Amino acid sequence: MVKKSKPEEKMNEIENKSNLVGYVRKSNAGGAIKVSINNDAFSDCDTYVTSDGQEYVPLIISINALNKVLSGERVVTTISQIVD
């Protein structure tokens, strides 16, 4: 019998294959999002180049976790890069 994965399990599998790059939190005044990126981790990230020659670092922030930060349920969440 084949076990089918639930969507949450698939998301956890994706999250488990990632490198921590930094953190996101709400500012003390609550009117902004503070993003803190670890310089060493950022420099180790994979990049891609667009057709116009610009280089980008693709990063991920969970929408659910960010919403919890915005609502005050969590203080901080992570910024990661998915590892293929």
Protein backbone atom coordinates (compact mmCIF):
# COMPACT_ATOMS: atom_id res chain seq x y z
CA MET A 1 0.00 0.00 0.00
CA VAL A 2 1.38 3.42 -0.99
CA LYS A 3 1.32 6.13 1.66
CA LYS A 4 0.25 9.51 0.31
CA SER A 5 1.86 12.60 1.80
CA LYS A 6 -0.26 15.35 3.25
CA PRO A 7 0.46 18.89 1.99
CA GLU A 8 1.89 19.79 5.42
CA GLU A 9 4.33 16.88 5.21
CA LYS A 10 5.48 17.99 1.77
CA MET A 11 6.04 21.54 3.08
CA ASN A 12 8.07 20.16 5.99
CA GLU A 13 10.19 18.15 3.54
CA ILE A 14 10.88 21.33 1.58
CA GLU A 15 11.67 23.29 4.74
CA ASN A 16 14.04 20.57 5.90
CA LYS A 17 16.09 20.94 2.71
CA SER A 18 17.07 24.56 3.27
CA ASN A 19 19.90 26.67 4.61
CA LEU A 20 19.22 29.27 7.28
CA VAL A 21 20.22 32.70 6.00
CA GLY A 22 18.63 35.11 8.48
CA TYR A 23 15.63 36.22 10.50
CA VAL A 24 12.57 38.43 10.14
CA ARG A 25 10.89 40.24 13.04
CA LYS A 26 8.53 43.14 13.59
CA SER A 27 10.12 46.47 14.55
CA ASN A 28 9.74 47.71 18.10
CA ALA A 29 7.27 50.35 16.94
CA GLY A 30 5.39 47.69 14.96
CA GLY A 31 5.22 49.65 11.73
CA ALA A 32 7.93 47.80 9.81
CA ILE A 33 9.56 44.43 9.27
CA LYS A 34 13.22 44.07 10.28
CA VAL A 35 15.28 41.70 8.14
CA SER A 36 18.61 40.42 9.46
CA ILE A 37 20.81 38.44 7.07
CA ASN A 38 23.94 36.59 8.17
CA ASN A 39 26.71 37.82 5.88
CA ASP A 40 28.61 34.51 5.80
CA ALA A 41 25.45 32.51 5.10
CA PHE A 42 24.37 34.99 2.41
CA SER A 43 27.71 34.80 0.64
CA ASP A 44 27.37 30.99 0.56
CA CYS A 45 23.94 31.14 -1.13
CA ASP A 46 23.33 29.98 -4.68
CA THR A 47 22.42 32.70 -7.15
CA TYR A 48 20.84 33.00 -10.57
CA VAL A 49 21.40 35.51 -13.35
CA THR A 50 18.57 37.15 -15.31
CA SER A 51 18.66 37.81 -19.03
CA ASP A 52 19.79 41.39 -18.41
CA GLY A 53 22.83 40.17 -16.44
CA GLN A 54 21.57 40.97 -12.94
CA GLU A 55 22.46 38.43 -10.22
CA TYR A 56 19.88 37.49 -7.57
CA VAL A 57 19.78 35.32 -4.45
CA PRO A 58 16.48 33.41 -4.17
CA LEU A 59 15.31 33.29 -0.54
CA ILE A 60 12.19 31.93 1.17
CA ILE A 61 10.04 33.22 4.05
CA SER A 62 7.04 31.15 5.08
CA ILE A 63 3.84 33.19 4.66
CA ASN A 64 2.20 31.39 7.60
CA ALA A 65 5.16 32.08 9.88
CA LEU A 66 5.38 35.71 8.73
CA ASN A 67 1.66 36.20 9.43
CA LYS A 68 2.24 34.86 12.96
CA VAL A 69 5.04 37.42 13.43
CA LEU A 70 2.79 40.19 12.16
CA SER A 71 -0.07 39.14 14.46
CA GLY A 72 2.20 38.85 17.49
CA GLU A 73 1.89 35.06 17.88
CA ARG A 74 5.62 34.70 17.17
CA VAL A 75 8.51 37.07 17.73
CA VAL A 76 10.70 35.94 14.84
CA THR A 77 10.77 33.65 11.79
CA THR A 78 13.50 32.51 9.44
CA ILE A 79 14.75 33.40 5.99
CA SER A 80 16.14 30.40 4.14
CA GLN A 81 17.35 29.23 0.80
CA ILE A 82 15.99 25.97 -0.58
CA VAL A 83 18.68 23.39 -1.32
CA ASP A 84 18.09 21.29 -4.44
